[in-house]
């Protein structure tokens, strides 16, 4: 009985972990559908972070992660 119960618990867990269908990852959908799906999932903070550019000297790992920053100004030093 305990073995059957354990199996049922594992099956319930696996079906709940299945996750949500994400259209933006499915290349079968048109690009505009994928973009809309992704934009709807992003928070305002993530959207602002995508548009924000900061200087490399000010970019710490914490700032990059906290503000979802993807773009650095002057990413390379030219004198080296």
N, C-alpha and C. Protein backbone atom coordinates (compact mmCIF):
# COMPACT_ATOMS: atom_id res chain seq x y z
N UNK A 1 0.82 -1.19 0.00
CA UNK A 1 0.00 0.00 0.00
C UNK A 1 0.87 1.26 0.00
N UNK A 2 1.92 1.23 0.80
CA UNK A 2 2.81 2.39 0.88
C UNK A 2 3.51 2.61 -0.46
N UNK A 3 3.82 1.52 -1.12
CA UNK A 3 4.51 1.63 -2.42
C UNK A 3 3.59 2.26 -3.47
N UNK A 4 2.32 1.89 -3.45
CA UNK A 4 1.35 2.46 -4.39
C UNK A 4 1.16 3.94 -4.10
N UNK A 5 1.06 4.28 -2.83
CA UNK A 5 0.90 5.68 -2.43
C UNK A 5 2.11 6.50 -2.85
N UNK A 6 3.29 5.96 -2.66
CA UNK A 6 4.51 6.67 -3.06
C UNK A 6 4.55 6.87 -4.57
N UNK A 7 4.13 5.87 -5.32
CA UNK A 7 4.09 5.98 -6.78
C UNK A 7 3.10 7.05 -7.21
N UNK A 8 1.94 7.10 -6.57
CA UNK A 8 0.94 8.11 -6.90
C UNK A 8 1.45 9.52 -6.58
N UNK A 9 2.13 9.67 -5.48
CA UNK A 9 2.69 10.98 -5.11
C UNK A 9 3.71 11.42 -6.14
N UNK A 10 4.57 10.52 -6.55
CA UNK A 10 5.58 10.85 -7.57
C UNK A 10 4.91 11.23 -8.88
N UNK A 11 3.90 10.48 -9.29
CA UNK A 11 3.19 10.79 -10.53
C UNK A 11 2.50 12.15 -10.46
N UNK A 12 1.87 12.44 -9.34
CA UNK A 12 1.24 13.75 -9.17
C UNK A 12 2.27 14.87 -9.23
N UNK A 13 3.41 14.65 -8.62
CA UNK A 13 4.48 15.65 -8.65
C UNK A 13 4.96 15.88 -10.08
N UNK A 14 5.19 14.81 -10.80
CA UNK A 14 5.69 14.93 -12.18
C UNK A 14 4.70 15.64 -13.09
N UNK A 15 3.42 15.40 -12.91
CA UNK A 15 2.43 16.07 -13.75
C UNK A 15 2.31 17.54 -13.39
N UNK A 16 2.51 17.90 -12.14
CA UNK A 16 2.43 19.30 -11.75
C UNK A 16 3.67 20.07 -12.16
N UNK A 17 4.80 19.41 -12.30
CA UNK A 17 6.06 20.05 -12.69
C UNK A 17 6.14 20.22 -14.20
N UNK A 18 5.22 19.64 -14.90
CA UNK A 18 5.23 19.67 -16.35
C UNK A 18 5.45 21.07 -16.89
N UNK A 19 4.92 22.06 -16.23
CA UNK A 19 5.19 23.43 -16.61
C UNK A 19 4.18 24.01 -17.58
N UNK A 20 4.38 25.28 -17.81
CA UNK A 20 3.49 26.04 -18.66
C UNK A 20 4.02 26.03 -20.09
N UNK A 21 3.13 25.99 -21.04
CA UNK A 21 3.52 26.03 -22.44
C UNK A 21 3.97 27.45 -22.79
N UNK A 22 5.16 27.58 -23.33
CA UNK A 22 5.71 28.89 -23.65
C UNK A 22 5.80 29.04 -25.16
N UNK A 23 4.89 29.83 -25.71
CA UNK A 23 4.85 30.02 -27.16
C UNK A 23 6.14 30.63 -27.69
N UNK A 24 6.77 31.51 -26.89
CA UNK A 24 7.97 32.19 -27.40
C UNK A 24 9.13 31.24 -27.65
N UNK A 25 9.07 30.05 -27.11
CA UNK A 25 10.12 29.06 -27.35
C UNK A 25 9.79 28.12 -28.51
N UNK A 26 8.58 28.21 -29.02
CA UNK A 26 8.11 27.30 -30.07
C UNK A 26 8.27 27.95 -31.44
N UNK A 27 9.21 27.46 -32.22
CA UNK A 27 9.50 28.05 -33.53
C UNK A 27 8.39 27.82 -34.55
N UNK A 28 7.39 27.04 -34.21
CA UNK A 28 6.27 26.81 -35.12
C UNK A 28 5.33 28.02 -35.18
N UNK A 29 5.38 28.85 -34.15
CA UNK A 29 4.53 30.04 -34.11
C UNK A 29 5.17 31.18 -34.89
N UNK A 30 4.35 32.09 -35.45
CA UNK A 30 4.92 33.26 -36.12
C UNK A 30 5.68 34.14 -35.13
N UNK A 31 6.63 34.90 -35.64
CA UNK A 31 7.49 35.72 -34.79
C UNK A 31 6.69 36.69 -33.93
N UNK A 32 5.66 37.33 -34.49
CA UNK A 32 4.90 38.31 -33.71
C UNK A 32 4.17 37.66 -32.54
N UNK A 33 3.72 36.43 -32.69
CA UNK A 33 3.07 35.70 -31.60
C UNK A 33 4.09 35.37 -30.51
N UNK A 34 5.27 34.95 -30.94
CA UNK A 34 6.33 34.61 -29.98
C UNK A 34 6.77 35.84 -29.19
N UNK A 35 6.93 36.95 -29.90
CA UNK A 35 7.35 38.19 -29.23
C UNK A 35 6.30 38.64 -28.23
N UNK A 36 5.04 38.63 -28.63
CA UNK A 36 3.94 39.05 -27.74
C UNK A 36 3.92 38.17 -26.50
N UNK A 37 4.08 36.87 -26.67
CA UNK A 37 4.08 35.95 -25.53
C UNK A 37 5.21 36.27 -24.56
N UNK A 38 6.40 36.51 -25.10
CA UNK A 38 7.54 36.84 -24.25
C UNK A 38 7.34 38.17 -23.54
N UNK A 39 6.88 39.18 -24.27
CA UNK A 39 6.66 40.50 -23.67
C UNK A 39 5.61 40.44 -22.57
N UNK A 40 4.59 39.64 -22.76
CA UNK A 40 3.55 39.50 -21.73
C UNK A 40 4.08 38.83 -20.47
N UNK A 41 5.09 38.01 -20.60
CA UNK A 41 5.67 37.32 -19.45
C UNK A 41 6.67 38.18 -18.68
N UNK A 42 7.26 39.17 -19.35
CA UNK A 42 8.29 40.00 -18.72
C UNK A 42 7.67 41.02 -17.78
N UNK A 43 8.36 41.28 -16.68
CA UNK A 43 7.93 42.34 -15.77
C UNK A 43 8.39 43.68 -16.33
N UNK A 44 7.84 44.76 -15.79
CA UNK A 44 8.26 46.09 -16.22
C UNK A 44 9.75 46.28 -15.94
N UNK A 45 10.20 45.78 -14.81
CA UNK A 45 11.62 45.89 -14.44
C UNK A 45 12.51 45.21 -15.47
N UNK A 46 12.10 44.04 -15.94
CA UNK A 46 12.88 43.33 -16.96
C UNK A 46 12.88 44.08 -18.29
N UNK A 47 11.73 44.66 -18.64
CA UNK A 47 11.65 45.42 -19.89
C UNK A 47 12.55 46.65 -19.84
N UNK A 48 12.53 47.36 -18.72
CA UNK A 48 13.40 48.54 -18.56
C UNK A 48 14.86 48.11 -18.60
N UNK A 49 15.19 47.01 -17.97
CA UNK A 49 16.56 46.50 -17.97
C UNK A 49 17.06 46.19 -19.36
N UNK A 50 16.18 45.73 -20.23
CA UNK A 50 16.56 45.43 -21.61
C UNK A 50 16.90 46.70 -22.38
N UNK A 51 16.30 47.81 -21.99
CA UNK A 51 16.51 49.08 -22.68
C UNK A 51 17.60 49.93 -22.03
N UNK A 52 18.07 49.53 -20.86
CA UNK A 52 19.05 50.33 -20.11
C UNK A 52 20.46 49.96 -20.53
N UNK A 53 21.28 50.99 -20.72
CA UNK A 53 22.69 50.79 -21.02
C UNK A 53 23.50 51.46 -19.93
N UNK A 54 24.47 50.77 -19.37
CA UNK A 54 25.33 51.36 -18.36
C UNK A 54 26.78 51.17 -18.77
N UNK A 55 27.64 51.99 -18.20
CA UNK A 55 29.06 51.89 -18.48
C UNK A 55 29.62 50.64 -17.83
N UNK A 56 30.56 50.02 -18.49
CA UNK A 56 31.16 48.79 -17.98
C UNK A 56 31.78 48.97 -16.61
N UNK A 57 32.36 50.15 -16.35
CA UNK A 57 33.01 50.39 -15.06
C UNK A 57 32.01 50.34 -13.90
N UNK A 58 30.75 50.66 -14.17
CA UNK A 58 29.74 50.67 -13.12
C UNK A 58 28.98 49.36 -13.02
N UNK A 59 29.24 48.45 -13.92
CA UNK A 59 28.46 47.22 -14.00
C UNK A 59 29.01 46.13 -13.10
N UNK A 60 28.37 45.96 -11.98
CA UNK A 60 28.72 44.83 -11.11
C UNK A 60 27.76 43.68 -11.43
N UNK A 61 28.11 42.50 -11.04
CA UNK A 61 27.24 41.35 -11.28
C UNK A 61 25.89 41.54 -10.61
N UNK A 62 25.91 42.15 -9.43
CA UNK A 62 24.67 42.38 -8.69
C UNK A 62 23.74 43.34 -9.45
N UNK A 63 24.31 44.42 -9.97
CA UNK A 63 23.51 45.40 -10.72
C UNK A 63 22.98 44.76 -12.00
N UNK A 64 23.81 44.03 -12.70
CA UNK A 64 23.39 43.40 -13.95
C UNK A 64 22.22 42.44 -13.71
N UNK A 65 22.29 41.67 -12.63
CA UNK A 65 21.24 40.71 -12.33
C UNK A 65 19.99 41.40 -11.79
N UNK A 66 20.18 42.33 -10.87
CA UNK A 66 19.04 43.00 -10.23
C UNK A 66 18.17 43.76 -11.21
N UNK A 67 18.81 44.41 -12.18
CA UNK A 67 18.07 45.25 -13.10
C UNK A 67 17.91 44.63 -14.49
N UNK A 68 18.26 43.39 -14.63
CA UNK A 68 18.13 42.66 -15.91
C UNK A 68 18.78 43.42 -17.06
N UNK A 69 19.96 43.97 -16.82
CA UNK A 69 20.66 44.77 -17.82
C UNK A 69 21.39 43.84 -18.78
N UNK A 70 21.20 44.08 -20.06
CA UNK A 70 21.80 43.24 -21.09
C UNK A 70 22.84 43.96 -21.94
N UNK A 71 22.89 45.29 -21.87
CA UNK A 71 23.76 46.05 -22.76
C UNK A 71 24.73 46.89 -21.94
N UNK A 72 26.01 46.83 -22.33
CA UNK A 72 27.03 47.66 -21.70
C UNK A 72 27.57 48.65 -22.72
N UNK A 73 27.77 49.89 -22.27
CA UNK A 73 28.43 50.88 -23.10
C UNK A 73 29.92 50.69 -22.91
N UNK A 74 30.69 50.76 -23.99
CA UNK A 74 32.14 50.60 -23.94
C UNK A 74 32.51 49.27 -23.27
N UNK A 75 32.10 48.15 -23.84
CA UNK A 75 32.38 46.87 -23.21
C UNK A 75 33.85 46.45 -23.25
N UNK A 76 34.65 47.10 -24.09
CA UNK A 76 36.06 46.73 -24.19
C UNK A 76 36.93 47.96 -24.03
N UNK A 77 38.05 47.78 -23.38
CA UNK A 77 39.01 48.87 -23.28
C UNK A 77 39.87 48.86 -24.53
N UNK A 78 39.97 50.00 -25.18
CA UNK A 78 40.69 50.07 -26.45
C UNK A 78 42.20 50.15 -26.28
N UNK A 79 42.67 50.58 -25.11
CA UNK A 79 44.11 50.76 -24.93
C UNK A 79 44.84 49.47 -24.59
N UNK A 80 44.19 48.36 -24.52
CA UNK A 80 44.86 47.11 -24.17
C UNK A 80 45.04 46.24 -25.36
